[in-house]
Amino acid sequence: MTPSNTSRGTAPLPILSIASENARRLGASAVLVMPEGPLEWELVRSVASGDVGFLIATSSDRQLQAIRDAGLIAIEMEPTEAAIAERITLALIEAVANDHVKAGARVAVVYSGFEAEALDSISVIRLGEHLERLTARDLRALETSVPFDTLKAVVDAAVEIGREGREGKAVGSLIVVGDSRNVLARSRPLGFDPFKGYRRKERNVRDPRVREAIKEIAQMDGAFVVARDGTVEAACRLIDASVAGLTLQKGLGTRHWAAAAITSATKAVAVVVSQSTGSVRIFQDGEVLLRIAPMRHARAMKWQDAEIEPGEPPRPRERDKEKEREKEKAAPKATEPGPPPSRSE
């Protein structure tokens, strides 16, 4: 039988129905869906519970209108190649910014955890833990200082740094955004600036290649300075601003104090990645305005049985093989008896 054109669009309905029916029991006030393609939105609306908000995150203009026409709430996302963890974070920020969910709410998120383009996983995220002290008013205040698109691009890079590190090592970073002229005046170069000499359009944080470069350069000491339009003005800068009169919670290190100092002395916003925890904090006016906790696994793990043919004995691990070789080398070699001498000898 030839499958219908709507089979792919209706395939996720069972898991969406489960999420909708159990949202209240799980303590969630909304269901956030992260589809990787179009769905039958009218059918999605039919499984949505009346007292639980159904939010659909997408970067497709065509799908945004179709979602709204079906009576669902559309969360507009920018096209990105980021991992699912970062996309969920950005979708939650967007949802709170537009007053679709409250800052302390719990949200059930339906996403592709095992296989691409297949909604197969449900996670319940408590925004009070995942997005600390986040309110729509705070985000709008940030937007008046730094364009939200620029801030989201910087946060996207920062979250990836906190989650992935570099070459297996944890990495911390400080990115100062906005009021770049005053920030540069209150900082000095530590040495080589990897961004110096490039044209402005070649060093904008909205470019994925530039964000990848930031992730690499984050291993070096010093702060990044980013203009309001997203242009990286400088890297490897030492912040030279006073911390007098500032207070921070215990456990925050020099990057956090530098972020508090520079945002207190200028109109900039600072984004700090904690090397010890991977958490991302946004500073404004010398205070922590937003904290994003790390989501270290981009996709759920999928366990698979060992590939062994029927009747074939289990194969030892490479480490066990190596140990066996070492034992054989260390053990004295027994003298093997030779063939019995012939009678003619």
C-alpha atoms as a PDB file:
ATOM      1  CA  MET A   1       0.000   0.000   0.000  1.00  0.00           C
ATOM      2  CA  THR A   2       1.332   3.410  -0.915  1.00  0.00           C
ATOM      3  CA  PRO A   3       1.663   5.622   2.173  1.00  0.00           C
ATOM      4  CA  SER A   4      -0.389   8.793   2.169  1.00  0.00           C
ATOM      5  CA  ASN A   5       1.209  12.214   2.011  1.00  0.00           C
ATOM      6  CA  THR A   6       0.011  12.992   5.531  1.00  0.00           C
ATOM      7  CA  SER A   7       1.541   9.907   7.201  1.00  0.00           C
ATOM      8  CA  ARG A   8       4.703  11.761   8.143  1.00  0.00           C
ATOM      9  CA  GLY A   9       2.738  14.702   9.479  1.00  0.00           C
ATOM     10  CA  THR A  10       0.473  12.526  11.623  1.00  0.00           C
ATOM     11  CA  ALA A  11       3.177  10.176  12.966  1.00  0.00           C
ATOM     12  CA  PRO A  12       3.983  12.300  16.090  1.00  0.00           C
ATOM     13  CA  LEU A  13       0.339  12.532  17.201  1.00  0.00           C
ATOM     14  CA  PRO A  14       0.557   9.707  19.808  1.00  0.00           C
ATOM     15  CA  ILE A  15       3.475  11.290  21.685  1.00  0.00           C
ATOM     16  CA  LEU A  16       1.861  14.729  21.466  1.00  0.00           C
ATOM     17  CA  SER A  17      -1.333  13.271  22.887  1.00  0.00           C
ATOM     18  CA  ILE A  18       0.623  11.691  25.765  1.00  0.00           C
ATOM     19  CA  ALA A  19       2.358  15.005  26.498  1.00  0.00           C
ATOM     20  CA  SER A  20      -0.945  16.896  26.415  1.00  0.00           C
ATOM     21  CA  GLU A  21      -2.838  14.428  28.618  1.00  0.00           C
ATOM     22  CA  ASN A  22      -0.072  14.162  31.217  1.00  0.00           C
ATOM     23  CA  ALA A  23       1.150  17.772  31.302  1.00  0.00           C
ATOM     24  CA  ARG A  24      -0.886  18.664  34.389  1.00  0.00           C
ATOM     25  CA  ARG A  25       0.126  15.465  36.184  1.00  0.00           C
ATOM     26  CA  LEU A  26       3.768  16.320  35.463  1.00  0.00           C
ATOM     27  CA  GLY A  27       3.241  19.830  36.797  1.00  0.00           C
ATOM     28  CA  ALA A  28       3.654  21.471  33.382  1.00  0.00           C
ATOM     29  CA  SER A  29       1.571  24.468  32.370  1.00  0.00           C
ATOM     30  CA  ALA A  30       2.537  24.278  28.688  1.00  0.00           C
ATOM     31  CA  VAL A  31       3.779  21.864  26.033  1.00  0.00           C
ATOM     32  CA  LEU A  32       6.596  23.066  23.772  1.00  0.00           C
ATOM     33  CA  VAL A  33       6.935  21.120  20.513  1.00  0.00           C
ATOM     34  CA  MET A  34      10.221  21.232  18.567  1.00  0.00           C
ATOM     35  CA  PRO A  35       9.308  19.713  15.171  1.00  0.00           C
ATOM     36  CA  GLU A  36      11.954  19.296  12.491  1.00  0.00           C
ATOM     37  CA  GLY A  37       9.408  19.469   9.667  1.00  0.00           C
ATOM     38  CA  PRO A  38       5.754  20.284   8.927  1.00  0.00           C
ATOM     39  CA  LEU A  39       2.955  18.506  10.803  1.00  0.00           C
ATOM     40  CA  GLU A  40      -0.809  18.272  10.348  1.00  0.00           C
ATOM     41  CA  TRP A  41      -1.468  21.312  12.508  1.00  0.00           C
ATOM     42  CA  GLU A  42      -5.247  20.886  12.657  1.00  0.00           C
ATOM     43  CA  LEU A  43      -4.772  17.381  14.053  1.00  0.00           C
ATOM     44  CA  VAL A  44      -2.141  18.661  16.478  1.00  0.00           C
ATOM     45  CA  ARG A  45      -4.678  21.208  17.706  1.00  0.00           C
ATOM     46  CA  SER A  46      -7.243  18.420  18.212  1.00  0.00           C
ATOM     47  CA  VAL A  47      -4.979  16.585  20.698  1.00  0.00           C
ATOM     48  CA  ALA A  48      -4.048  19.750  22.612  1.00  0.00           C
ATOM     49  CA  SER A  49      -5.635  20.019  26.038  1.00  0.00           C
ATOM     50  CA  GLY A  50      -7.745  23.117  26.530  1.00  0.00           C
ATOM     51  CA  ASP A  51      -6.115  24.195  29.806  1.00  0.00           C
ATOM     52  CA  VAL A  52      -2.505  23.549  28.720  1.00  0.00           C
ATOM     53  CA  GLY A  53      -0.840  25.898  26.246  1.00  0.00           C
ATOM     54  CA  PHE A  54       0.557  24.250  23.108  1.00  0.00           C
ATOM     55  CA  LEU A  55       3.630  26.063  21.744  1.00  0.00           C
ATOM     56  CA  ILE A  56       5.223  25.170  18.405  1.00  0.00           C
ATOM     57  CA  ALA A  57       8.762  26.392  17.695  1.00  0.00           C
ATOM     58  CA  THR A  58       9.782  26.781  14.049  1.00  0.00           C
ATOM     59  CA  SER A  59      11.975  28.925  11.793  1.00  0.00           C
ATOM     60  CA  SER A  60       9.768  28.509   8.694  1.00  0.00           C
ATOM     61  CA  ASP A  61       7.663  31.552   7.800  1.00  0.00           C
ATOM     62  CA  ARG A  62       5.167  29.335   5.963  1.00  0.00           C
ATOM     63  CA  GLN A  63       4.765  27.033   8.958  1.00  0.00           C
ATOM     64  CA  LEU A  64       4.445  29.969  11.363  1.00  0.00           C
ATOM     65  CA  GLN A  65       1.323  31.142   9.548  1.00  0.00           C
ATOM     66  CA  ALA A  66      -0.090  27.608   9.288  1.00  0.00           C
ATOM     67  CA  ILE A  67       0.439  27.081  13.023  1.00  0.00           C
ATOM     68  CA  ARG A  68      -1.369  30.311  13.870  1.00  0.00           C
ATOM     69  CA  ASP A  69      -4.209  29.495  11.448  1.00  0.00           C
ATOM     70  CA  ALA A  70      -4.712  26.211  13.317  1.00  0.00           C
ATOM     71  CA  GLY A  71      -5.175  28.079  16.608  1.00  0.00           C
ATOM     72  CA  LEU A  72      -1.802  27.102  18.069  1.00  0.00           C
ATOM     73  CA  ILE A  73       0.865  29.394  19.531  1.00  0.00           C
ATOM     74  CA  ALA A  74       3.865  29.815  17.217  1.00  0.00           C
ATOM     75  CA  ILE A  75       7.339  30.482  18.634  1.00  0.00           C
ATOM     76  CA  GLU A  76       9.441  32.132  15.941  1.00  0.00           C
ATOM     77  CA  MET A  77      13.021  30.845  15.821  1.00  0.00           C
ATOM     78  CA  GLU A  78      16.009  31.864  13.733  1.00  0.00           C
ATOM     79  CA  PRO A  79      17.431  29.201  11.394  1.00  0.00           C
ATOM     80  CA  THR A  80      20.353  27.545  13.190  1.00  0.00           C
ATOM     81  CA  GLU A  81      22.463  24.413  13.097  1.00  0.00           C
ATOM     82  CA  ALA A  82      22.721  24.371  16.899  1.00  0.00           C
ATOM     83  CA  ALA A  83      22.106  21.176  18.833  1.00  0.00           C
ATOM     84  CA  ILE A  84      18.646  20.461  20.181  1.00  0.00           C
ATOM     85  CA  ALA A  85      19.643  21.538  23.702  1.00  0.00           C
ATOM     86  CA  GLU A  86      20.483  25.055  22.555  1.00  0.00           C
ATOM     87  CA  ARG A  87      17.367  25.287  20.390  1.00  0.00           C
ATOM     88  CA  ILE A  88      15.189  24.318  23.332  1.00  0.00           C
ATOM     89  CA  THR A  89      16.862  26.994  25.466  1.00  0.00           C
ATOM     90  CA  LEU A  90      16.330  29.694  22.830  1.00  0.00           C
ATOM     91  CA  ALA A  91      12.705  28.620  22.300  1.00  0.00           C
ATOM     92  CA  LEU A  92      12.048  28.857  26.050  1.00  0.00           C
ATOM     93  CA  ILE A  93      13.612  32.331  26.181  1.00  0.00           C
ATOM     94  CA  GLU A  94      11.409  33.404  23.279  1.00  0.00           C
ATOM     95  CA  ALA A  95       8.297  31.923  24.925  1.00  0.00           C
ATOM     96  CA  VAL A  96       8.906  33.781  28.190  1.00  0.00           C
ATOM     97  CA  ALA A  97       9.788  36.994  26.360  1.00  0.00           C
ATOM     98  CA  ASN A  98       6.391  36.944  24.670  1.00  0.00           C
ATOM     99  CA  ASP A  99       4.493  36.094  27.893  1.00  0.00           C
ATOM    100  CA  HIS A 100       3.414  32.651  26.653  1.00  0.00           C
ATOM    101  CA  VAL A 101       4.751  31.017  29.844  1.00  0.00           C
ATOM    102  CA  LYS A 102       5.750  32.413  33.212  1.00  0.00           C
ATOM    103  CA  ALA A 103       9.347  32.538  34.392  1.00  0.00           C
ATOM    104  CA  GLY A 104       8.864  29.944  37.165  1.00  0.00           C
ATOM    105  CA  ALA A 105       6.650  27.535  35.212  1.00  0.00           C
ATOM    106  CA  ARG A 106       7.302  23.956  34.171  1.00  0.00           C
ATOM    107  CA  VAL A 107       7.158  23.117  30.490  1.00  0.00           C
ATOM    108  CA  ALA A 108       6.898  19.688  28.850  1.00  0.00           C
ATOM    109  CA  VAL A 109       9.134  19.697  25.777  1.00  0.00           C
ATOM    110  CA  VAL A 110       8.557  17.240  22.919  1.00  0.00           C
ATOM    111  CA  TYR A 111      11.592  16.879  20.660  1.00  0.00           C
ATOM    112  CA  SER A 112      13.769  14.532  18.589  1.00  0.00           C
ATOM    113  CA  GLY A 113      15.945  12.853  21.190  1.00  0.00           C
ATOM    114  CA  PHE A 114      16.915   9.590  19.497  1.00  0.00           C
ATOM    115  CA  GLU A 115      16.352   9.906  15.767  1.00  0.00           C
ATOM    116  CA  ALA A 116      16.434  13.041  13.622  1.00  0.00           C
ATOM    117  CA  GLU A 117      13.069  14.262  12.286  1.00  0.00           C
ATOM    118  CA  ALA A 118      11.161  12.011  14.693  1.00  0.00           C
ATOM    119  CA  LEU A 119       9.428  13.413  17.777  1.00  0.00           C
ATOM    120  CA  ASP A 120      10.239  10.656  20.248  1.00  0.00           C
ATOM    121  CA  SER A 121      11.216  12.266  23.578  1.00  0.00           C
ATOM    122  CA  ILE A 122       9.514  14.235  26.345  1.00  0.00           C
ATOM    123  CA  SER A 123      11.373  16.248  28.987  1.00  0.00           C
ATOM    124  CA  VAL A 124       9.900  18.412  31.729  1.00  0.00           C
ATOM    125  CA  ILE A 125      11.924  21.580  32.329  1.00  0.00           C
ATOM    126  CA  ARG A 126      11.417  23.810  35.333  1.00  0.00           C
ATOM    127  CA  LEU A 127      12.181  27.326  34.185  1.00  0.00           C
ATOM    128  CA  GLY A 128      12.915  28.470  37.722  1.00  0.00           C
ATOM    129  CA  GLU A 129      15.975  26.188  37.600  1.00  0.00           C
ATOM    130  CA  HIS A 130      16.814  26.296  33.907  1.00  0.00           C
ATOM    131  CA  LEU A 131      16.305  30.025  33.336  1.00  0.00           C
ATOM    132  CA  GLU A 132      16.920  31.675  36.682  1.00  0.00           C
ATOM    133  CA  ARG A 133      15.255  35.062  37.357  1.00  0.00           C
ATOM    134  CA  LEU A 134      14.019  35.314  33.787  1.00  0.00           C
ATOM    135  CA  THR A 135      11.035  37.565  33.115  1.00  0.00           C
ATOM    136  CA  ALA A 136       9.630  39.165  30.001  1.00  0.00           C
ATOM    137  CA  ARG A 137      10.344  42.606  31.443  1.00  0.00           C
ATOM    138  CA  ASP A 138      14.020  41.710  31.931  1.00  0.00           C
ATOM    139  CA  LEU A 139      14.368  40.539  28.351  1.00  0.00           C
ATOM    140  CA  ARG A 140      12.683  43.634  26.994  1.00  0.00           C
ATOM    141  CA  ALA A 141      15.027  45.760  29.100  1.00  0.00           C
ATOM    142  CA  LEU A 142      17.949  43.891  27.578  1.00  0.00           C
ATOM    143  CA  GLU A 143      16.602  44.544  24.110  1.00  0.00           C
ATOM    144  CA  THR A 144      16.618  48.300  24.720  1.00  0.00           C
ATOM    145  CA  SER A 145      20.354  48.099  25.386  1.00  0.00           C
ATOM    146  CA  VAL A 146      21.343  45.403  22.882  1.00  0.00           C
ATOM    147  CA  PRO A 147      19.279  44.191  19.911  1.00  0.00           C
ATOM    148  CA  PHE A 148      17.732  40.878  20.826  1.00  0.00           C
ATOM    149  CA  ASP A 149      19.047  39.167  17.671  1.00  0.00           C
ATOM    150  CA  THR A 150      22.612  40.070  18.603  1.00  0.00           C
ATOM    151  CA  LEU A 151      22.114  38.930  22.180  1.00  0.00           C
ATOM    152  CA  LYS A 152      20.625  35.602  21.100  1.00  0.00           C
ATOM    153  CA  ALA A 153      23.583  34.929  18.785  1.00  0.00           C
ATOM    154  CA  VAL A 154      26.033  35.630  21.602  1.00  0.00           C
ATOM    155  CA  VAL A 155      24.068  33.520  24.085  1.00  0.00           C
ATOM    156  CA  ASP A 156      23.926  30.698  21.538  1.00  0.00           C
ATOM    157  CA  ALA A 157      27.729  30.663  21.291  1.00  0.00           C
ATOM    158  CA  ALA A 158      28.107  30.955  25.074  1.00  0.00           C
ATOM    159  CA  VAL A 159      25.784  28.037  25.783  1.00  0.00           C
ATOM    160  CA  GLU A 160      27.716  25.857  23.338  1.00  0.00           C
ATOM    161  CA  ILE A 161      30.998  26.806  25.019  1.00  0.00           C
ATOM    162  CA  GLY A 162      29.557  25.914  28.419  1.00  0.00           C
ATOM    163  CA  ARG A 163      28.133  22.612  27.218  1.00  0.00           C
ATOM    164  CA  GLU A 164      30.909  21.385  24.934  1.00  0.00           C
ATOM    165  CA  GLY A 165      34.100  23.002  26.204  1.00  0.00           C
ATOM    166  CA  ARG A 166      36.969  22.530  23.773  1.00  0.00           C
ATOM    167  CA  GLU A 167      39.031  19.424  23.057  1.00  0.00           C
ATOM    168  CA  GLY A 168      37.549  17.651  26.055  1.00  0.00           C
ATOM    169  CA  LYS A 169      38.360  20.459  28.519  1.00  0.00           C
ATOM    170  CA  ALA A 170      35.988  22.850  30.294  1.00  0.00           C
ATOM    171  CA  VAL A 171      36.275  26.424  29.008  1.00  0.00           C
ATOM    172  CA  GLY A 172      35.111  29.712  30.493  1.00  0.00           C
ATOM    173  CA  SER A 173      34.560  32.953  28.608  1.00  0.00           C
ATOM    174  CA  LEU A 174      33.446  36.578  28.877  1.00  0.00           C
ATOM    175  CA  ILE A 175      31.665  38.357  26.007  1.00  0.00           C
ATOM    176  CA  VAL A 176      30.780  42.048  26.451  1.00  0.00           C
ATOM    177  CA  VAL A 177      28.050  43.269  24.083  1.00  0.00           C
ATOM    178  CA  GLY A 178      27.083  46.861  23.273  1.00  0.00           C
ATOM    179  CA  ASP A 179      28.539  50.291  24.141  1.00  0.00           C
ATOM    180  CA  SER A 180      31.747  49.001  22.564  1.00  0.00           C
ATOM    181  CA  ARG A 181      33.532  52.364  22.457  1.00  0.00           C
ATOM    182  CA  ASN A 182      33.335  52.780  26.236  1.00  0.00           C
ATOM    183  CA  VAL A 183      34.116  49.107  26.817  1.00  0.00           C
ATOM    184  CA  LEU A 184      37.289  49.352  24.709  1.00  0.00           C
ATOM    185  CA  ALA A 185      38.272  52.489  26.634  1.00  0.00           C
ATOM    186  CA  ARG A 186      37.953  50.549  29.906  1.00  0.00           C
ATOM    187  CA  SER A 187      39.953  47.543  28.741  1.00  0.00           C
ATOM    188  CA  ARG A 188      43.369  46.846  27.277  1.00  0.00           C
ATOM    189  CA  PRO A 189      44.782  44.155  24.974  1.00  0.00           C
ATOM    190  CA  LEU A 190      46.492  41.147  26.496  1.00  0.00           C
ATOM    191  CA  GLY A 191      48.425  40.498  23.315  1.00  0.00           C
ATOM    192  CA  PHE A 192      47.492  39.080  19.924  1.00  0.00           C
ATOM    193  CA  ASP A 193      43.927  39.859  18.744  1.00  0.00           C
ATOM    194  CA  PRO A 194      42.704  37.079  16.386  1.00  0.00           C
ATOM    195  CA  PHE A 195      39.941  39.308  14.943  1.00  0.00           C
ATOM    196  CA  LYS A 196      42.163  42.263  14.049  1.00  0.00           C
ATOM    197  CA  GLY A 197      42.382  43.063  10.336  1.00  0.00           C
ATOM    198  CA  TYR A 198      39.170  41.366   9.198  1.00  0.00           C
ATOM    199  CA  ARG A 199      36.364  43.319   7.515  1.00  0.00           C
ATOM    200  CA  ARG A 200      33.282  44.027   9.643  1.00  0.00           C
ATOM    201  CA  LYS A 201      31.023  41.678   7.726  1.00  0.00           C
ATOM    202  CA  GLU A 202      33.556  38.872   8.266  1.00  0.00           C
ATOM    203  CA  ARG A 203      33.362  39.135  12.053  1.00  0.00           C
ATOM    204  CA  ASN A 204      29.661  39.307  12.865  1.00  0.00           C
ATOM    205  CA  VAL A 205      28.344  36.922  15.531  1.00  0.00           C
ATOM    206  CA  ARG A 206      25.235  36.173  13.447  1.00  0.00           C
ATOM    207  CA  ASP A 207      27.542  34.246  11.099  1.00  0.00           C
ATOM    208  CA  PRO A 208      27.877  30.611  12.322  1.00  0.00           C
ATOM    209  CA  ARG A 209      31.536  30.604  11.231  1.00  0.00           C
ATOM    210  CA  VAL A 210      32.269  33.544  13.511  1.00  0.00           C
ATOM    211  CA  ARG A 211      30.562  31.803  16.432  1.00  0.00           C
ATOM    212  CA  GLU A 212      32.730  28.749  15.794  1.00  0.00           C
ATOM    213  CA  ALA A 213      35.806  31.016  15.832  1.00  0.00           C
ATOM    214  CA  ILE A 214      34.665  32.494  19.162  1.00  0.00           C
ATOM    215  CA  LYS A 215      34.383  28.989  20.594  1.00  0.00           C
ATOM    216  CA  GLU A 216      37.990  28.285  19.549  1.00  0.00           C
ATOM    217  CA  ILE A 217      39.404  31.623  20.744  1.00  0.00           C
ATOM    218  CA  ALA A 218      37.578  31.251  24.088  1.00  0.00           C
ATOM    219  CA  GLN A 219      40.441  29.008  25.181  1.00  0.00           C
ATOM    220  CA  MET A 220      42.674  32.109  25.259  1.00  0.00           C
ATOM    221  CA  ASP A 221      42.657  34.610  28.120  1.00  0.00           C
ATOM    222  CA  GLY A 222      40.649  37.821  27.953  1.00  0.00           C
ATOM    223  CA  ALA A 223      37.216  39.066  26.967  1.00  0.00           C
ATOM    224  CA  PHE A 224      35.456  39.505  23.628  1.00  0.00           C
ATOM    225  CA  VAL A 225      34.014  42.931  22.823  1.00  0.00           C
ATOM    226  CA  VAL A 226      30.971  42.870  20.513  1.00  0.00           C
ATOM    227  CA  ALA A 227      29.197  45.926  19.077  1.00  0.00           C
ATOM    228  CA  ARG A 228      25.407  46.383  19.052  1.00  0.00           C
ATOM    229  CA  ASP A 229      25.199  45.241  15.440  1.00  0.00           C
ATOM    230  CA  GLY A 230      26.983  41.973  16.285  1.00  0.00           C
ATOM    231  CA  THR A 231      30.457  42.889  14.997  1.00  0.00           C
ATOM    232  CA  VAL A 232      33.288  41.484  17.116  1.00  0.00           C
ATOM    233  CA  GLU A 233      35.394  44.570  17.764  1.00  0.00           C
ATOM    234  CA  ALA A 234      38.175  42.847  19.688  1.00  0.00           C
ATOM    235  CA  ALA A 235      39.169  39.686  21.536  1.00  0.00           C
ATOM    236  CA  CYS A 236      41.619  38.845  24.316  1.00  0.00           C
ATOM    237  CA  ARG A 237      40.923  42.082  26.231  1.00  0.00           C
ATOM    238  CA  LEU A 238      41.628  42.633  29.913  1.00  0.00           C
ATOM    239  CA  ILE A 239      38.755  44.469  31.610  1.00  0.00           C
ATOM    240  CA  ASP A 240      39.995  47.460  33.628  1.00  0.00           C
ATOM    241  CA  ALA A 241      36.952  48.674  35.572  1.00  0.00           C
ATOM    242  CA  SER A 242      36.438  49.179  39.282  1.00  0.00           C
ATOM    243  CA  VAL A 243      34.508  46.642  41.374  1.00  0.00           C
ATOM    244  CA  ALA A 244      33.975  49.111  44.214  1.00  0.00           C
ATOM    245  CA  GLY A 245      30.443  48.941  45.600  1.00  0.00           C
ATOM    246  CA  LEU A 246      29.572  45.718  43.755  1.00  0.00           C
ATOM    247  CA  THR A 247      28.393  42.508  45.408  1.00  0.00           C
ATOM    248  CA  LEU A 248      28.115  39.016  43.953  1.00  0.00           C
ATOM    249  CA  GLN A 249      27.148  35.673  45.376  1.00  0.00           C
ATOM    250  CA  LYS A 250      29.896  33.464  46.722  1.00  0.00           C
ATOM    251  CA  GLY A 251      31.608  31.135  44.303  1.00  0.00           C
ATOM    252  CA  LEU A 252      31.670  33.455  41.280  1.00  0.00           C
ATOM    253  CA  GLY A 253      35.153  34.068  39.903  1.00  0.00           C
ATOM    254  CA  THR A 254      37.116  36.850  38.231  1.00  0.00           C
ATOM    255  CA  ARG A 255      35.187  36.705  34.937  1.00  0.00           C
ATOM    256  CA  HIS A 256      31.946  37.358  36.804  1.00  0.00           C
ATOM    257  CA  TRP A 257      33.470  40.242  38.747  1.00  0.00           C
ATOM    258  CA  ALA A 258      34.829  41.712  35.512  1.00  0.00           C
ATOM    259  CA  ALA A 259      31.359  41.375  33.933  1.00  0.00           C
ATOM    260  CA  ALA A 260      29.747  43.104  36.891  1.00  0.00           C
ATOM    261  CA  ALA A 261      32.345  45.886  36.814  1.00  0.00           C
ATOM    262  CA  ILE A 262      32.154  46.641  33.085  1.00  0.00           C
ATOM    263  CA  THR A 263      28.347  46.592  32.976  1.00  0.00           C
ATOM    264  CA  SER A 264      28.233  48.881  35.994  1.00  0.00           C
ATOM    265  CA  ALA A 265      30.582  51.395  34.323  1.00  0.00           C
ATOM    266  CA  THR A 266      28.994  51.230  30.833  1.00  0.00           C
ATOM    267  CA  LYS A 267      25.681  50.476  29.132  1.00  0.00           C
ATOM    268  CA  ALA A 268      26.975  47.130  27.894  1.00  0.00           C
ATOM    269  CA  VAL A 269      25.600  43.672  28.605  1.00  0.00           C
ATOM    270  CA  ALA A 270      28.059  40.923  29.559  1.00  0.00           C
ATOM    271  CA  VAL A 271      27.649  37.198  28.961  1.00  0.00           C
ATOM    272  CA  VAL A 272      29.809  34.945  31.156  1.00  0.00           C
ATOM    273  CA  VAL A 273      30.442  31.228  30.774  1.00  0.00           C
ATOM    274  CA  SER A 274      31.473  29.563  34.030  1.00  0.00           C
ATOM    275  CA  GLN A 275      34.404  27.214  33.471  1.00  0.00           C
ATOM    276  CA  SER A 276      33.564  25.110  36.535  1.00  0.00           C
ATOM    277  CA  THR A 277      29.841  24.525  35.881  1.00  0.00           C
ATOM    278  CA  GLY A 278      29.170  25.526  32.261  1.00  0.00           C
ATOM    279  CA  SER A 279      26.404  27.896  33.394  1.00  0.00           C
ATOM    280  CA  VAL A 280      25.836  31.079  31.381  1.00  0.00           C
ATOM    281  CA  ARG A 281      25.039  34.324  33.197  1.00  0.00           C
ATOM    282  CA  ILE A 282      23.985  37.632  31.669  1.00  0.00           C
ATOM    283  CA  PHE A 283      24.997  40.804  33.524  1.00  0.00           C
ATOM    284  CA  GLN A 284      23.512  44.278  33.232  1.00  0.00           C
ATOM    285  CA  ASP A 285      24.079  47.294  35.508  1.00  0.00           C
ATOM    286  CA  GLY A 286      26.494  45.261  37.626  1.00  0.00           C
ATOM    287  CA  GLU A 287      24.001  42.510  38.472  1.00  0.00           C
ATOM    288  CA  VAL A 288      23.122  39.024  37.258  1.00  0.00           C
ATOM    289  CA  LEU A 289      19.955  39.367  35.223  1.00  0.00           C
ATOM    290  CA  LEU A 290      19.688  35.864  33.786  1.00  0.00           C
ATOM    291  CA  ARG A 291      21.246  32.465  34.358  1.00  0.00           C
ATOM    292  CA  ILE A 292      21.044  29.588  31.897  1.00  0.00           C
ATOM    293  CA  ALA A 293      21.914  26.214  33.396  1.00  0.00           C
ATOM    294  CA  PRO A 294      23.914  23.853  31.181  1.00  0.00           C
ATOM    295  CA  MET A 295      22.208  21.075  29.212  1.00  0.00           C
ATOM    296  CA  ARG A 296      25.204  18.885  28.568  1.00  0.00           C
ATOM    297  CA  HIS A 297      23.644  16.200  26.374  1.00  0.00           C
ATOM    298  CA  ALA A 298      22.388  17.354  22.997  1.00  0.00           C
ATOM    299  CA  ARG A 299      20.530  14.098  22.377  1.00  0.00           C
ATOM    300  CA  ALA A 300      19.452  11.227  24.547  1.00  0.00           C
ATOM    301  CA  MET A 301      21.661   8.148  24.512  1.00  0.00           C
ATOM    302  CA  LYS A 302      20.506   5.184  22.497  1.00  0.00           C
ATOM    303  CA  TRP A 303      21.635   1.799  23.754  1.00  0.00           C
ATOM    304  CA  GLN A 304      22.345  -0.908  21.202  1.00  0.00           C
ATOM    305  CA  ASP A 305      23.170  -4.581  21.591  1.00  0.00           C
ATOM    306  CA  ALA A 306      26.634  -5.721  20.587  1.00  0.00           C
ATOM    307  CA  GLU A 307      26.828  -6.876  17.014  1.00  0.00           C
ATOM    308  CA  ILE A 308      27.568 -10.600  17.459  1.00  0.00           C
ATOM    309  CA  GLU A 309      26.661 -13.281  14.987  1.00  0.00           C
ATOM    310  CA  PRO A 310      24.526 -16.186  16.353  1.00  0.00           C
ATOM    311  CA  GLY A 311      26.715 -18.903  17.804  1.00  0.00           C
ATOM    312  CA  GLU A 312      29.806 -16.684  17.837  1.00  0.00           C
ATOM    313  CA  PRO A 313      31.452 -16.383  21.276  1.00  0.00           C
ATOM    314  CA  PRO A 314      31.602 -12.869  22.743  1.00  0.00           C
ATOM    315  CA  ARG A 315      34.615 -10.896  21.591  1.00  0.00           C
ATOM    316  CA  PRO A 316      36.885  -9.596  24.381  1.00  0.00           C
ATOM    317  CA  ARG A 317      37.336  -5.853  24.612  1.00  0.00           C
ATOM    318  CA  GLU A 318      40.464  -4.324  23.176  1.00  0.00           C
ATOM    319  CA  ARG A 319      41.643  -3.432  26.674  1.00  0.00           C
ATOM    320  CA  ASP A 320      41.315  -7.067  27.769  1.00  0.00           C
ATOM    321  CA  LYS A 321      43.222  -8.160  24.683  1.00  0.00           C
ATOM    322  CA  GLU A 322      46.029  -5.756  25.563  1.00  0.00           C
ATOM    323  CA  LYS A 323      46.204  -7.130  29.104  1.00  0.00           C
ATOM    324  CA  GLU A 324      46.396 -10.660  27.761  1.00  0.00           C
ATOM    325  CA  ARG A 325      49.295  -9.684  25.489  1.00  0.00           C
ATOM    326  CA  GLU A 326      51.158  -8.075  28.409  1.00  0.00           C
ATOM    327  CA  LYS A 327      50.684 -11.204  30.535  1.00  0.00           C
ATOM    328  CA  GLU A 328      52.000 -13.395  27.728  1.00  0.00           C
ATOM    329  CA  LYS A 329      55.101 -11.194  27.399  1.00  0.00           C
ATOM    330  CA  ALA A 330      55.742 -11.192  31.159  1.00  0.00           C
ATOM    331  CA  ALA A 331      55.197 -14.933  31.709  1.00  0.00           C
ATOM    332  CA  PRO A 332      58.273 -17.202  31.305  1.00  0.00           C
ATOM    333  CA  LYS A 333      58.101 -19.165  28.099  1.00  0.00           C
ATOM    334  CA  ALA A 334      57.844 -22.907  28.626  1.00  0.00           C
ATOM    335  CA  THR A 335      60.226 -25.076  26.625  1.00  0.00           C
ATOM    336  CA  GLU A 336      58.210 -27.091  24.224  1.00  0.00           C
ATOM    337  CA  PRO A 337      59.301 -30.701  23.868  1.00  0.00           C
ATOM    338  CA  GLY A 338      60.768 -31.447  20.471  1.00  0.00           C
ATOM    339  CA  PRO A 339      59.992 -34.465  18.369  1.00  0.00           C
ATOM    340  CA  PRO A 340      61.347 -37.767  19.728  1.00  0.00           C
ATOM    341  CA  PRO A 341      64.782 -38.654  18.323  1.00  0.00           C
ATOM    342  CA  SER A 342      64.788 -41.149  15.527  1.00  0.00           C
ATOM    343  CA  ARG A 343      66.355 -44.542  16.044  1.00  0.00           C
ATOM    344  CA  SER A 344      69.015 -43.777  13.485  1.00  0.00           C
ATOM    345  CA  GLU A 345      70.431 -41.029  15.782  1.00  0.00           C
END
